[in-house]
Amino acid sequence: MPLKQHPNPTMFIGALKWFDNKKGFGILALPFAEELFLHIRGFRDRPQKDINPGDVITGDKRPDPKRDGHVAHNCHVLERPEDWMLIIQLLGTTDTVKLQDRQKRDHARSLMELAAAQLFRGKDADGIFSMVTASFNGDFNPSLFIPYAAFLEKTIHHHLDKEPASALLSRIFAYFGTSITSDILFKVWKAGKFSYIGYDSPGDYEIPEEVLNLNATEIGYEELLRISGYGFGRVFCSEFVNALLDGADTMHRDEIDTLIPYLDFLENEDREYWKNIVNN
């Protein structure tokens, strides 16, 4: 599943700033205060109803020598379930656009939130569930998972009443919990966002030792404190710190000083051995 924003450099996602449905033209607001002219002929298929300010539209930028810039081309209004992929492509990017209220005052709006509200419209809980989970598979970028789950939590609570929203989110997060990769599981564990994978029990969540081994470079002192209380924690921490200290006799003094607190995780004999090395 491609998760790079706009693999086509001419592609855009924007919100309608204004549009004259009688004359058939208007202006789109894009991030970074960019604006794009839109004519009704720029749609692949002419909209079946009036389009209004705030509507989220995607398309391509086409050079327009007359305007010394670009115009919107090959456009469509976000309304199909598969358009949800475009929202995911905005994760981690600057998605703020400026739209005007009825008093012509500018307001910053999130394209992701506008698009989600647009795609949620008219869908029941089953429809939303299918749409937001369809793109979640083994190719999902691990670094985007927590922002994605947080975004779903926010927008679904805005769209539905409290109880239906909570029920739907529990269903979505439980699905994520059965489908996540080890990289995503580690990021969830490190951030303590266990509810995003359907784990709502109090206290810490003891993830498998092999997941920790696969992500050892992201483990520091605070993480070891948590791991030390796990069933396999003492052995894991001891092996981890011994590996961390390997080669300490050739390290610079500043490097060694940062490792001294880790000696607390070692057994007595190992602790004394490494104390002698780092103190000499």
C-alpha atoms as a PDB file:
ATOM      1  CA  MET A   1       0.000   0.000   0.000  1.00  0.00           C
ATOM      2  CA  PRO A   2       1.690   3.243  -1.067  1.00  0.00           C
ATOM      3  CA  LEU A   3       1.787   5.755   1.748  1.00  0.00           C
ATOM      4  CA  LYS A   4       3.934   8.462   0.219  1.00  0.00           C
ATOM      5  CA  GLN A   5       2.034  11.662  -0.269  1.00  0.00           C
ATOM      6  CA  HIS A   6       1.317  12.392  -3.895  1.00  0.00           C
ATOM      7  CA  PRO A   7       3.543   9.903  -5.784  1.00  0.00           C
ATOM      8  CA  ASN A   8       2.487  11.961  -8.810  1.00  0.00           C
ATOM      9  CA  PRO A   9       4.104  15.389  -8.188  1.00  0.00           C
ATOM     10  CA  THR A  10       1.286  17.183 -10.005  1.00  0.00           C
ATOM     11  CA  MET A  11      -1.429  15.588  -7.856  1.00  0.00           C
ATOM     12  CA  PHE A  12      -3.177  17.716  -5.248  1.00  0.00           C
ATOM     13  CA  ILE A  13      -5.787  17.496  -2.502  1.00  0.00           C
ATOM     14  CA  GLY A  14      -7.521  20.749  -1.708  1.00  0.00           C
ATOM     15  CA  ALA A  15     -10.653  22.289  -0.281  1.00  0.00           C
ATOM     16  CA  LEU A  16     -13.012  24.502  -2.220  1.00  0.00           C
ATOM     17  CA  LYS A  17     -12.577  28.129  -1.168  1.00  0.00           C
ATOM     18  CA  TRP A  18     -15.463  29.346  -3.324  1.00  0.00           C
ATOM     19  CA  PHE A  19     -17.271  28.203  -6.430  1.00  0.00           C
ATOM     20  CA  ASP A  20     -19.931  29.811  -8.637  1.00  0.00           C
ATOM     21  CA  ASN A  21     -22.091  26.858  -9.677  1.00  0.00           C
ATOM     22  CA  LYS A  22     -23.907  28.957 -12.296  1.00  0.00           C
ATOM     23  CA  LYS A  23     -20.774  30.227 -14.008  1.00  0.00           C
ATOM     24  CA  GLY A  24     -18.833  27.029 -13.356  1.00  0.00           C
ATOM     25  CA  PHE A  25     -15.577  28.209 -11.833  1.00  0.00           C
ATOM     26  CA  GLY A  26     -13.953  28.896  -8.492  1.00  0.00           C
ATOM     27  CA  ILE A  27     -10.817  28.642  -6.368  1.00  0.00           C
ATOM     28  CA  LEU A  28      -9.318  25.752  -4.412  1.00  0.00           C
ATOM     29  CA  ALA A  29      -7.281  26.242  -1.229  1.00  0.00           C
ATOM     30  CA  LEU A  30      -4.208  24.018  -0.900  1.00  0.00           C
ATOM     31  CA  PRO A  31      -1.657  23.744   1.939  1.00  0.00           C
ATOM     32  CA  PHE A  32       1.064  26.386   2.256  1.00  0.00           C
ATOM     33  CA  ALA A  33      -1.422  29.088   1.220  1.00  0.00           C
ATOM     34  CA  GLU A  34      -1.427  27.885  -2.391  1.00  0.00           C
ATOM     35  CA  GLU A  35      -4.547  28.502  -4.458  1.00  0.00           C
ATOM     36  CA  LEU A  36      -5.642  26.803  -7.665  1.00  0.00           C
ATOM     37  CA  PHE A  37      -8.184  27.857 -10.268  1.00  0.00           C
ATOM     38  CA  LEU A  38     -10.931  25.294 -10.882  1.00  0.00           C
ATOM     39  CA  HIS A  39     -13.310  25.251 -13.840  1.00  0.00           C
ATOM     40  CA  ILE A  40     -16.221  22.854 -14.166  1.00  0.00           C
ATOM     41  CA  ARG A  41     -14.469  21.443 -17.243  1.00  0.00           C
ATOM     42  CA  GLY A  42     -11.646  20.381 -14.927  1.00  0.00           C
ATOM     43  CA  PHE A  43     -13.719  17.485 -13.556  1.00  0.00           C
ATOM     44  CA  ARG A  44     -13.438  13.993 -15.003  1.00  0.00           C
ATOM     45  CA  ASP A  45     -17.160  13.620 -14.450  1.00  0.00           C
ATOM     46  CA  ARG A  46     -19.263  16.705 -13.870  1.00  0.00           C
ATOM     47  CA  PRO A  47     -20.603  16.753 -10.273  1.00  0.00           C
ATOM     48  CA  GLN A  48     -24.245  15.691 -10.058  1.00  0.00           C
ATOM     49  CA  LYS A  49     -25.009  18.407  -7.499  1.00  0.00           C
ATOM     50  CA  ASP A  50     -23.699  21.815  -6.520  1.00  0.00           C
ATOM     51  CA  ILE A  51     -20.264  21.894  -4.932  1.00  0.00           C
ATOM     52  CA  ASN A  52     -19.758  24.167  -1.953  1.00  0.00           C
ATOM     53  CA  PRO A  53     -16.997  25.827   0.084  1.00  0.00           C
ATOM     54  CA  GLY A  54     -15.169  23.279   2.210  1.00  0.00           C
ATOM     55  CA  ASP A  55     -15.733  20.384  -0.206  1.00  0.00           C
ATOM     56  CA  VAL A  56     -12.517  18.380  -0.574  1.00  0.00           C
ATOM     57  CA  ILE A  57     -11.416  17.745  -4.141  1.00  0.00           C
ATOM     58  CA  THR A  58      -8.472  15.898  -5.643  1.00  0.00           C
ATOM     59  CA  GLY A  59      -6.973  16.113  -9.076  1.00  0.00           C
ATOM     60  CA  ASP A  60      -3.893  17.101 -11.047  1.00  0.00           C
ATOM     61  CA  LYS A  61      -2.285  20.465 -11.643  1.00  0.00           C
ATOM     62  CA  ARG A  62      -2.075  21.324 -15.310  1.00  0.00           C
ATOM     63  CA  PRO A  63       0.164  24.145 -16.602  1.00  0.00           C
ATOM     64  CA  ASP A  64      -1.835  27.129 -17.835  1.00  0.00           C
ATOM     65  CA  PRO A  65       0.242  29.662 -19.821  1.00  0.00           C
ATOM     66  CA  LYS A  66      -2.627  32.172 -19.709  1.00  0.00           C
ATOM     67  CA  ARG A  67      -2.433  32.292 -15.916  1.00  0.00           C
ATOM     68  CA  ASP A  68       1.334  31.904 -15.664  1.00  0.00           C
ATOM     69  CA  GLY A  69       0.726  28.978 -13.330  1.00  0.00           C
ATOM     70  CA  HIS A  70      -1.524  25.934 -13.025  1.00  0.00           C
ATOM     71  CA  VAL A  71      -5.198  25.033 -13.110  1.00  0.00           C
ATOM     72  CA  ALA A  72      -7.020  22.054 -11.603  1.00  0.00           C
ATOM     73  CA  HIS A  73      -7.521  19.179 -14.021  1.00  0.00           C
ATOM     74  CA  ASN A  74      -8.824  15.602 -13.914  1.00  0.00           C
ATOM     75  CA  CYS A  75     -10.663  16.366 -10.650  1.00  0.00           C
ATOM     76  CA  HIS A  76     -13.234  14.567  -8.568  1.00  0.00           C
ATOM     77  CA  VAL A  77     -14.941  15.263  -5.259  1.00  0.00           C
ATOM     78  CA  LEU A  78     -13.903  12.833  -2.520  1.00  0.00           C
ATOM     79  CA  GLU A  79     -16.908  10.560  -2.033  1.00  0.00           C
ATOM     80  CA  ARG A  80     -15.841   6.970  -2.769  1.00  0.00           C
ATOM     81  CA  PRO A  81     -14.573   4.555  -0.078  1.00  0.00           C
ATOM     82  CA  GLU A  82     -11.295   4.148  -1.971  1.00  0.00           C
ATOM     83  CA  ASP A  83     -10.727   7.889  -1.568  1.00  0.00           C
ATOM     84  CA  TRP A  84      -9.879   7.149   2.073  1.00  0.00           C
ATOM     85  CA  MET A  85      -6.381   6.278   0.864  1.00  0.00           C
ATOM     86  CA  LEU A  86      -5.880   9.943   0.035  1.00  0.00           C
ATOM     87  CA  ILE A  87      -6.506  10.858   3.673  1.00  0.00           C
ATOM     88  CA  ILE A  88      -3.819   8.414   4.802  1.00  0.00           C
ATOM     89  CA  GLN A  89      -1.369  10.035   2.392  1.00  0.00           C
ATOM     90  CA  LEU A  90      -1.825  13.296   4.315  1.00  0.00           C
ATOM     91  CA  LEU A  91      -0.714  11.776   7.639  1.00  0.00           C
ATOM     92  CA  GLY A  92       2.399  13.471   8.930  1.00  0.00           C
ATOM     93  CA  THR A  93       2.200  16.303   6.386  1.00  0.00           C
ATOM     94  CA  THR A  94       1.106  19.908   6.577  1.00  0.00           C
ATOM     95  CA  ASP A  95      -2.584  19.655   5.679  1.00  0.00           C
ATOM     96  CA  THR A  96      -3.814  23.065   6.844  1.00  0.00           C
ATOM     97  CA  VAL A  97      -5.769  25.223   4.397  1.00  0.00           C
ATOM     98  CA  LYS A  98      -7.340  28.631   4.875  1.00  0.00           C
ATOM     99  CA  LEU A  99     -11.062  28.938   4.204  1.00  0.00           C
ATOM    100  CA  GLN A 100     -13.373  31.882   4.734  1.00  0.00           C
ATOM    101  CA  ASP A 101     -16.509  32.073   6.822  1.00  0.00           C
ATOM    102  CA  ARG A 102     -19.592  34.070   5.817  1.00  0.00           C
ATOM    103  CA  GLN A 103     -17.968  37.230   7.155  1.00  0.00           C
ATOM    104  CA  LYS A 104     -14.995  36.636   4.809  1.00  0.00           C
ATOM    105  CA  ARG A 105     -12.687  35.888   7.740  1.00  0.00           C
ATOM    106  CA  ASP A 106      -9.935  33.314   7.188  1.00  0.00           C
ATOM    107  CA  HIS A 107      -9.956  30.169   9.289  1.00  0.00           C
ATOM    108  CA  ALA A 108      -7.335  27.407   9.306  1.00  0.00           C
ATOM    109  CA  ARG A 109      -8.890  24.017   8.585  1.00  0.00           C
ATOM    110  CA  SER A 110      -7.468  20.510   8.384  1.00  0.00           C
ATOM    111  CA  LEU A 111      -7.864  18.832   4.996  1.00  0.00           C
ATOM    112  CA  MET A 112      -7.825  15.442   6.717  1.00  0.00           C
ATOM    113  CA  GLU A 113     -10.694  16.365   9.017  1.00  0.00           C
ATOM    114  CA  LEU A 114     -12.704  17.970   6.215  1.00  0.00           C
ATOM    115  CA  ALA A 115     -12.176  14.925   4.002  1.00  0.00           C
ATOM    116  CA  ALA A 116     -13.040  12.448   6.770  1.00  0.00           C
ATOM    117  CA  ALA A 117     -16.292  14.248   7.562  1.00  0.00           C
ATOM    118  CA  GLN A 118     -17.096  14.243   3.854  1.00  0.00           C
ATOM    119  CA  LEU A 119     -16.435  10.519   3.444  1.00  0.00           C
ATOM    120  CA  PHE A 120     -18.212   9.580   6.688  1.00  0.00           C
ATOM    121  CA  ARG A 121     -21.346  11.396   5.573  1.00  0.00           C
ATOM    122  CA  GLY A 122     -24.210   8.984   4.916  1.00  0.00           C
ATOM    123  CA  LYS A 123     -22.277   5.920   6.112  1.00  0.00           C
ATOM    124  CA  ASP A 124     -23.258   3.743   9.053  1.00  0.00           C
ATOM    125  CA  ALA A 125     -20.798   2.124  11.466  1.00  0.00           C
ATOM    126  CA  ASP A 126     -20.256  -0.895   9.189  1.00  0.00           C
ATOM    127  CA  GLY A 127     -19.484   1.351   6.242  1.00  0.00           C
ATOM    128  CA  ILE A 128     -16.972   3.408   8.213  1.00  0.00           C
ATOM    129  CA  PHE A 129     -15.353   0.272   9.636  1.00  0.00           C
ATOM    130  CA  SER A 130     -14.866  -1.230   6.185  1.00  0.00           C
ATOM    131  CA  MET A 131     -13.476   1.992   4.771  1.00  0.00           C
ATOM    132  CA  VAL A 132     -10.919   2.771   7.490  1.00  0.00           C
ATOM    133  CA  THR A 133      -9.633  -0.809   7.858  1.00  0.00           C
ATOM    134  CA  ALA A 134      -9.412  -1.697   4.149  1.00  0.00           C
ATOM    135  CA  SER A 135      -6.037   0.026   3.802  1.00  0.00           C
ATOM    136  CA  PHE A 136      -4.537  -1.543   6.928  1.00  0.00           C
ATOM    137  CA  ASN A 137      -2.244  -4.396   5.986  1.00  0.00           C
ATOM    138  CA  GLY A 138       1.354  -5.554   6.313  1.00  0.00           C
ATOM    139  CA  ASP A 139       2.612  -2.658   4.201  1.00  0.00           C
ATOM    140  CA  PHE A 140       1.255   0.019   6.526  1.00  0.00           C
ATOM    141  CA  ASN A 141       4.005   2.441   7.545  1.00  0.00           C
ATOM    142  CA  PRO A 142       4.683   1.733  11.265  1.00  0.00           C
ATOM    143  CA  SER A 143       5.543   5.367  11.983  1.00  0.00           C
ATOM    144  CA  LEU A 144       2.058   6.402  10.822  1.00  0.00           C
ATOM    145  CA  PHE A 145       0.070   3.940  12.908  1.00  0.00           C
ATOM    146  CA  ILE A 146      -0.278   5.949  16.126  1.00  0.00           C
ATOM    147  CA  PRO A 147      -1.110   9.209  14.273  1.00  0.00           C
ATOM    148  CA  TYR A 148      -3.644   7.244  12.217  1.00  0.00           C
ATOM    149  CA  ALA A 149      -5.319   5.704  15.264  1.00  0.00           C
ATOM    150  CA  ALA A 150      -5.366   9.083  17.038  1.00  0.00           C
ATOM    151  CA  PHE A 151      -6.924  10.688  13.969  1.00  0.00           C
ATOM    152  CA  LEU A 152      -9.648   8.006  13.837  1.00  0.00           C
ATOM    153  CA  GLU A 153     -10.338   8.472  17.539  1.00  0.00           C
ATOM    154  CA  LYS A 154     -10.810  12.203  17.087  1.00  0.00           C
ATOM    155  CA  THR A 155     -12.870  12.199  13.890  1.00  0.00           C
ATOM    156  CA  ILE A 156     -15.173   9.297  14.762  1.00  0.00           C
ATOM    157  CA  HIS A 157     -16.028  10.936  18.095  1.00  0.00           C
ATOM    158  CA  HIS A 158     -16.894  14.082  16.146  1.00  0.00           C
ATOM    159  CA  HIS A 159     -19.068  12.153  13.695  1.00  0.00           C
ATOM    160  CA  LEU A 160     -20.981   9.853  16.043  1.00  0.00           C
ATOM    161  CA  ASP A 161     -22.536  10.119  19.471  1.00  0.00           C
ATOM    162  CA  LYS A 162     -20.384   9.006  22.383  1.00  0.00           C
ATOM    163  CA  GLU A 163     -21.582   5.409  22.785  1.00  0.00           C
ATOM    164  CA  PRO A 164     -21.735   4.456  19.067  1.00  0.00           C
ATOM    165  CA  ALA A 165     -18.351   6.139  18.533  1.00  0.00           C
ATOM    166  CA  SER A 166     -16.762   4.202  21.395  1.00  0.00           C
ATOM    167  CA  ALA A 167     -18.243   0.920  20.137  1.00  0.00           C
ATOM    168  CA  LEU A 168     -16.980   1.529  16.609  1.00  0.00           C
ATOM    169  CA  LEU A 169     -13.497   2.520  17.776  1.00  0.00           C
ATOM    170  CA  SER A 170     -13.276  -0.582  19.972  1.00  0.00           C
ATOM    171  CA  ARG A 171     -14.153  -2.677  16.944  1.00  0.00           C
ATOM    172  CA  ILE A 172     -11.592  -0.913  14.736  1.00  0.00           C
ATOM    173  CA  PHE A 173      -8.795  -1.100  17.300  1.00  0.00           C
ATOM    174  CA  ALA A 174      -9.508  -4.766  18.016  1.00  0.00           C
ATOM    175  CA  TYR A 175      -9.132  -5.397  14.279  1.00  0.00           C
ATOM    176  CA  PHE A 176      -5.809  -3.556  14.295  1.00  0.00           C
ATOM    177  CA  GLY A 177      -4.677  -5.715  17.204  1.00  0.00           C
ATOM    178  CA  THR A 178      -5.153  -8.885  15.161  1.00  0.00           C
ATOM    179  CA  SER A 179      -3.376  -7.468  12.097  1.00  0.00           C
ATOM    180  CA  ILE A 180      -0.391  -5.460  13.319  1.00  0.00           C
ATOM    181  CA  THR A 181       3.250  -6.123  12.461  1.00  0.00           C
ATOM    182  CA  SER A 182       5.966  -6.445  15.089  1.00  0.00           C
ATOM    183  CA  ASP A 183       7.236  -2.953  14.202  1.00  0.00           C
ATOM    184  CA  ILE A 184       3.829  -1.427  14.872  1.00  0.00           C
ATOM    185  CA  LEU A 185       3.424  -3.440  18.073  1.00  0.00           C
ATOM    186  CA  PHE A 186       6.745  -2.110  19.372  1.00  0.00           C
ATOM    187  CA  LYS A 187       5.799   1.506  18.624  1.00  0.00           C
ATOM    188  CA  VAL A 188       2.477   1.025  20.400  1.00  0.00           C
ATOM    189  CA  TRP A 189       4.269  -0.502  23.376  1.00  0.00           C
ATOM    190  CA  LYS A 190       6.879   2.249  23.545  1.00  0.00           C
ATOM    191  CA  ALA A 191       4.200   4.953  23.430  1.00  0.00           C
ATOM    192  CA  GLY A 192       1.905   3.105  25.843  1.00  0.00           C
ATOM    193  CA  LYS A 193      -1.016   3.412  23.402  1.00  0.00           C
ATOM    194  CA  PHE A 194      -2.365  -0.066  24.065  1.00  0.00           C
ATOM    195  CA  SER A 195      -5.991   0.904  23.463  1.00  0.00           C
ATOM    196  CA  TYR A 196      -5.115   1.412  19.784  1.00  0.00           C
ATOM    197  CA  ILE A 197      -4.669  -2.343  19.441  1.00  0.00           C
ATOM    198  CA  GLY A 198      -7.715  -3.258  21.507  1.00  0.00           C
ATOM    199  CA  TYR A 199      -5.914  -3.783  24.833  1.00  0.00           C
ATOM    200  CA  ASP A 200      -7.767  -1.900  27.552  1.00  0.00           C
ATOM    201  CA  SER A 201      -6.605  -3.726  30.688  1.00  0.00           C
ATOM    202  CA  PRO A 202      -4.887  -1.609  33.366  1.00  0.00           C
ATOM    203  CA  GLY A 203      -1.138  -1.702  33.748  1.00  0.00           C
ATOM    204  CA  ASP A 204       1.634  -2.433  31.296  1.00  0.00           C
ATOM    205  CA  TYR A 205       1.386  -4.739  28.296  1.00  0.00           C
ATOM    206  CA  GLU A 206       4.108  -7.379  28.182  1.00  0.00           C
ATOM    207  CA  ILE A 207       4.956  -7.770  24.512  1.00  0.00           C
ATOM    208  CA  PRO A 208       6.895 -10.788  23.210  1.00  0.00           C
ATOM    209  CA  GLU A 209      10.634 -10.845  23.789  1.00  0.00           C
ATOM    210  CA  GLU A 210      11.322 -11.362  20.088  1.00  0.00           C
ATOM    211  CA  VAL A 211       9.599  -8.035  19.294  1.00  0.00           C
ATOM    212  CA  LEU A 212      11.955  -6.284  21.712  1.00  0.00           C
ATOM    213  CA  ASN A 213      14.963  -8.004  20.160  1.00  0.00           C
ATOM    214  CA  LEU A 214      13.926  -6.861  16.686  1.00  0.00           C
ATOM    215  CA  ASN A 215      13.765  -3.248  17.924  1.00  0.00           C
ATOM    216  CA  ALA A 216      16.720  -3.283  20.312  1.00  0.00           C
ATOM    217  CA  THR A 217      18.223  -0.088  18.864  1.00  0.00           C
ATOM    218  CA  GLU A 218      15.175   1.858  20.088  1.00  0.00           C
ATOM    219  CA  ILE A 219      15.406   0.628  23.671  1.00  0.00           C
ATOM    220  CA  GLY A 220      16.884   2.906  26.309  1.00  0.00           C
ATOM    221  CA  TYR A 221      17.077   3.109  30.079  1.00  0.00           C
ATOM    222  CA  GLU A 222      13.379   3.930  30.616  1.00  0.00           C
ATOM    223  CA  GLU A 223      12.302   1.015  28.434  1.00  0.00           C
ATOM    224  CA  LEU A 224      14.581  -1.353  30.372  1.00  0.00           C
ATOM    225  CA  LEU A 225      12.936  -0.257  33.618  1.00  0.00           C
ATOM    226  CA  ARG A 226       9.625  -1.468  32.220  1.00  0.00           C
ATOM    227  CA  ILE A 227      11.059  -4.672  30.800  1.00  0.00           C
ATOM    228  CA  SER A 228      12.803  -5.561  34.075  1.00  0.00           C
ATOM    229  CA  GLY A 229       9.399  -6.306  35.601  1.00  0.00           C
ATOM    230  CA  TYR A 230       8.400  -8.788  32.892  1.00  0.00           C
ATOM    231  CA  GLY A 231       8.656 -12.549  33.247  1.00  0.00           C
ATOM    232  CA  PHE A 232      11.717 -12.640  31.005  1.00  0.00           C
ATOM    233  CA  GLY A 233      12.868  -9.197  32.100  1.00  0.00           C
ATOM    234  CA  ARG A 234      15.915  -9.936  34.288  1.00  0.00           C
ATOM    235  CA  VAL A 235      17.582 -12.137  31.696  1.00  0.00           C
ATOM    236  CA  PHE A 236      16.701  -9.818  28.825  1.00  0.00           C
ATOM    237  CA  CYS A 237      18.017  -6.724  30.591  1.00  0.00           C
ATOM    238  CA  SER A 238      21.221  -8.459  31.634  1.00  0.00           C
ATOM    239  CA  GLU A 239      21.940  -9.670  28.103  1.00  0.00           C
ATOM    240  CA  PHE A 240      20.994  -6.301  26.657  1.00  0.00           C
ATOM    241  CA  VAL A 241      23.327  -4.332  28.933  1.00  0.00           C
ATOM    242  CA  ASN A 242      26.202  -6.785  28.481  1.00  0.00           C
ATOM    243  CA  ALA A 243      25.884  -6.296  24.731  1.00  0.00           C
ATOM    244  CA  LEU A 244      25.629  -2.529  25.206  1.00  0.00           C
ATOM    245  CA  LEU A 245      28.838  -2.460  27.246  1.00  0.00           C
ATOM    246  CA  ASP A 246      30.776  -4.688  24.900  1.00  0.00           C
ATOM    247  CA  GLY A 247      33.829  -2.731  23.836  1.00  0.00           C
ATOM    248  CA  ALA A 248      33.579  -0.258  26.717  1.00  0.00           C
ATOM    249  CA  ASP A 249      37.339  -0.484  27.227  1.00  0.00           C
ATOM    250  CA  THR A 250      37.837   1.287  23.894  1.00  0.00           C
ATOM    251  CA  MET A 251      35.089   3.894  24.330  1.00  0.00           C
ATOM    252  CA  HIS A 252      35.557   7.604  24.974  1.00  0.00           C
ATOM    253  CA  ARG A 253      34.959   8.684  28.577  1.00  0.00           C
ATOM    254  CA  ASP A 254      31.777  10.605  27.658  1.00  0.00           C
ATOM    255  CA  GLU A 255      30.300   7.478  26.067  1.00  0.00           C
ATOM    256  CA  ILE A 256      31.115   5.382  29.116  1.00  0.00           C
ATOM    257  CA  ASP A 257      29.510   7.891  31.490  1.00  0.00           C
ATOM    258  CA  THR A 258      26.190   7.607  29.657  1.00  0.00           C
ATOM    259  CA  LEU A 259      26.254   3.826  30.175  1.00  0.00           C
ATOM    260  CA  ILE A 260      26.976   3.777  33.909  1.00  0.00           C
ATOM    261  CA  PRO A 261      23.264   3.873  34.947  1.00  0.00           C
ATOM    262  CA  TYR A 262      22.701   0.671  32.954  1.00  0.00           C
ATOM    263  CA  LEU A 263      24.912  -1.253  35.383  1.00  0.00           C
ATOM    264  CA  ASP A 264      21.904  -1.450  37.725  1.00  0.00           C
ATOM    265  CA  PHE A 265      20.350  -4.049  35.424  1.00  0.00           C
ATOM    266  CA  LEU A 266      23.262  -6.481  35.745  1.00  0.00           C
ATOM    267  CA  GLU A 267      23.655  -9.400  38.096  1.00  0.00           C
ATOM    268  CA  ASN A 268      26.263  -9.041  40.875  1.00  0.00           C
ATOM    269  CA  GLU A 269      29.272 -10.618  39.159  1.00  0.00           C
ATOM    270  CA  ASP A 270      28.621  -8.885  35.834  1.00  0.00           C
ATOM    271  CA  ARG A 271      28.041  -5.584  37.615  1.00  0.00           C
ATOM    272  CA  GLU A 272      31.372  -5.754  39.433  1.00  0.00           C
ATOM    273  CA  TYR A 273      33.197  -6.789  36.270  1.00  0.00           C
ATOM    274  CA  TRP A 274      31.888  -3.849  34.260  1.00  0.00           C
ATOM    275  CA  LYS A 275      32.334  -1.409  37.147  1.00  0.00           C
ATOM    276  CA  ASN A 276      36.054  -2.220  37.148  1.00  0.00           C
ATOM    277  CA  ILE A 277      36.246  -1.602  33.400  1.00  0.00           C
ATOM    278  CA  VAL A 278      34.311   1.655  33.274  1.00  0.00           C
ATOM    279  CA  ASN A 279      36.064   3.065  36.351  1.00  0.00           C
ATOM    280  CA  ASN A 280      39.563   2.467  35.026  1.00  0.00           C
END
